[in-house]
Protein backbone atom coordinates (compact mmCIF):
# COMPACT_ATOMS: atom_id res chain seq x y z
CA MET A 1 -0.38 -0.06 0.05
CA THR A 2 1.26 3.61 -0.53
CA ARG A 3 0.23 6.21 0.91
CA VAL A 4 0.67 9.99 -0.48
CA ILE A 5 0.31 12.85 1.78
CA GLU A 6 -0.08 16.30 0.45
CA ILE A 7 0.70 19.40 2.73
CA GLU A 8 -0.78 22.95 1.59
CA GLU A 9 0.96 26.02 1.88
CA SER A 10 1.12 26.46 6.24
CA MET A 11 -2.26 29.11 6.76
CA PHE A 12 -1.58 30.45 10.04
CA GLU A 13 1.47 33.25 10.37
CA ILE A 14 4.27 32.95 12.93
CA LYS A 15 5.00 36.07 14.99
CA PRO A 16 8.73 36.28 16.40
CA PRO A 17 8.84 37.71 19.75
CA ALA A 18 8.40 41.22 20.49
CA GLY A 19 12.18 43.47 20.42
CA ASN A 20 14.97 41.58 22.13
CA GLU A 21 13.05 39.19 24.29
CA ALA A 22 14.02 35.81 24.57
CA GLY A 23 10.68 33.86 24.20
CA SER A 24 9.16 31.30 21.32
CA MET A 25 7.81 31.48 18.52
CA GLN A 26 4.11 32.22 18.84
CA ARG A 27 1.40 30.74 16.18
CA ASP A 28 -1.74 32.37 15.66
CA PHE A 29 -4.12 29.67 15.20
CA SER A 30 -7.01 31.91 14.45
CA LYS A 31 -7.06 31.91 10.95
CA VAL A 32 -6.63 27.99 10.56
CA SER A 33 -9.02 26.48 8.43
CA VAL A 34 -8.36 22.93 9.63
CA PRO A 35 -10.11 21.10 7.02
CA LYS A 36 -7.60 23.13 4.54
CA LEU A 37 -4.53 22.63 6.53
CA ILE A 38 -3.78 19.33 5.47
CA ARG A 39 -5.21 17.20 2.82
CA VAL A 40 -4.30 13.55 2.85
CA LYS A 41 -4.48 11.16 -0.42
CA LEU A 42 -4.39 7.23 -0.13
CA ALA A 43 -3.33 5.44 -3.38
CA GLY A 44 -5.06 2.06 -3.27
CA ARG A 45 -7.37 0.82 -0.40
CA ALA A 46 -5.92 0.61 3.09
CA GLN A 47 -5.70 -2.85 4.42
CA PRO A 48 -6.24 -3.33 8.27
CA ASP A 49 -3.80 -5.33 10.08
CA PHE A 50 -4.90 -8.71 11.00
CA PRO A 51 -3.80 -12.60 10.97
CA HIS A 52 -4.00 -14.03 7.77
CA GLU A 53 -3.88 -17.54 9.56
CA ILE A 54 -4.61 -18.46 12.64
CA LEU A 55 -5.48 -21.77 14.77
CA LEU A 56 -9.36 -21.66 15.96
CA GLY A 57 -8.75 -23.50 19.31
CA SER A 58 -13.29 -23.06 20.58
CA LEU A 59 -16.17 -23.34 18.83
CA ARG A 60 -17.94 -21.05 21.53
CA SER A 61 -20.76 -24.10 21.77
CA GLY A 62 -21.57 -26.19 25.13
CA ASP A 63 -22.19 -29.26 23.39
CA LEU A 64 -19.11 -29.23 21.83
CA ARG A 65 -15.18 -28.80 22.26
CA VAL A 66 -12.13 -28.32 19.91
CA ARG A 67 -9.83 -31.34 20.42
CA LYS A 68 -7.55 -30.24 17.99
CA PRO A 69 -6.75 -26.72 16.72
CA ILE A 70 -8.57 -25.71 13.09
CA PRO A 71 -6.33 -24.45 10.84
CA VAL A 72 -8.31 -20.83 9.59
CA SER A 73 -7.35 -18.67 7.23
CA LEU A 74 -8.56 -14.90 7.00
CA ARG A 75 -8.81 -12.71 4.25
CA LEU A 76 -11.00 -9.32 2.76
CA GLU A 77 -13.07 -10.27 0.33
CA ASP A 78 -15.39 -7.16 -1.33
CA GLY A 79 -14.98 -5.38 2.17
CA ARG A 80 -15.80 -8.14 3.90
CA PHE A 81 -13.45 -10.76 5.95
CA VAL A 82 -14.04 -14.49 5.06
CA ALA A 83 -12.72 -17.21 7.83
CA GLU A 84 -12.13 -20.48 5.85
CA ALA A 85 -11.32 -23.51 7.45
CA ALA A 86 -10.33 -25.60 4.11
CA LYS A 87 -9.98 -28.84 5.32
CA LEU A 88 -13.46 -29.01 6.97
CA ASP A 89 -15.08 -27.03 3.61
CA GLU A 90 -16.52 -24.28 5.77
CA PHE A 91 -16.39 -20.71 5.80
CA GLY A 92 -17.94 -17.48 8.22
CA PHE A 93 -18.21 -13.98 6.88
CA GLY A 94 -18.54 -10.90 8.72
CA GLN A 95 -18.01 -7.04 8.87
CA THR A 96 -15.01 -7.39 11.04
CA ALA A 97 -12.06 -10.16 11.38
CA SER A 98 -13.83 -11.33 14.88
CA GLN A 99 -17.64 -11.54 13.07
CA SER A 100 -15.93 -13.97 10.48
CA ILE A 101 -14.70 -16.00 13.10
CA SER A 102 -17.75 -16.30 15.05
CA ASP A 103 -19.77 -17.19 11.71
CA LEU A 104 -17.09 -19.83 11.12
CA GLN A 105 -17.52 -21.30 14.59
CA ARG A 106 -21.51 -21.33 14.37
CA ALA A 107 -20.98 -23.21 10.99
CA ILE A 108 -18.81 -25.88 12.07
CA SER A 109 -21.15 -26.26 15.26
CA GLU A 110 -24.35 -26.90 12.87
CA LEU A 111 -21.71 -28.84 10.52
CA TYR A 112 -20.94 -31.28 13.31
CA LEU A 113 -24.31 -31.93 14.91
CA THR A 114 -25.85 -32.57 11.18
CA LEU A 115 -23.31 -34.82 9.90
CA GLU A 116 -23.23 -36.45 13.36
CA GLU A 117 -26.96 -37.21 12.57
CA SER A 118 -26.23 -38.64 9.29
CA ALA A 119 -23.13 -40.09 9.79
CA GLY A 120 -24.06 -43.74 8.26
CA SER A 121 -25.57 -42.30 5.07
CA LEU A 122 -23.11 -40.01 3.73
CA GLY A 123 -21.72 -39.55 0.47
CA THR A 124 -17.93 -39.67 -0.34
CA ASP A 125 -17.35 -35.84 -0.26
CA LEU A 126 -19.08 -35.43 3.08
CA SER A 127 -17.78 -38.33 4.70
CA ARG A 128 -13.87 -37.01 4.37
CA VAL A 129 -15.20 -33.82 6.11
CA TRP A 130 -16.90 -35.68 8.85
CA LYS A 131 -13.70 -37.58 9.23
CA ALA A 132 -11.57 -34.38 9.39
CA LEU A 133 -14.36 -32.63 11.17
CA GLN A 134 -14.08 -35.49 14.06
CA ARG A 135 -9.96 -35.54 14.41
CA HIS A 136 -10.98 -31.77 15.42
CA VAL A 137 -13.72 -31.68 17.29
CA GLU A 138 -15.88 -33.86 19.28
CA LYS A 139 -18.65 -33.66 21.68
CA ARG A 140 -18.70 -32.77 25.38
CA SER A 141 -20.71 -35.64 26.96
CA ALA A 142 -17.80 -37.85 25.20
CA ILE A 143 -15.28 -36.56 27.40
CA SER A 144 -16.98 -35.44 30.51
CA ASN A 145 -18.74 -39.28 31.37
CA PRO A 146 -15.97 -41.90 30.22
CA GLY A 147 -17.39 -43.72 32.56
CA ASN A 148 -20.76 -44.67 34.04
CA SER A 149 -20.47 -45.88 37.42
CA THR A 150 -23.42 -45.38 39.68
CA ALA A 151 -22.10 -46.09 43.41
């Protein structure tokens, strides 16, 4: 990104100290027109700073947990953020990076629950996604009740 900044002529006067007095220069800002003082032109669109690759470690779901972090790529497309979990063929969208990640977390949770219900009748592509999803995500009940012992 290239930034070009043009500064117009100063629109204020600098008055030297009166006589031989020691002192600092004084500026008369009463004649300053702030909007015309500095004009900034940006060449191209400014790209906000954000990480382009993250590891997603939570789904914000009470029923599911991430057992192995999910690689996610972030990018800007048409002024909107896109969070993509390529291994899972899943996307999230938003006006900010955080919103796109939240949308992706919701989508992954919904995908897990949907594929879990249909696990026995999935086609080739969805079976691949389901296997990848199981490597990264699990139900909390599967880890919180490892043995169902009663006293």
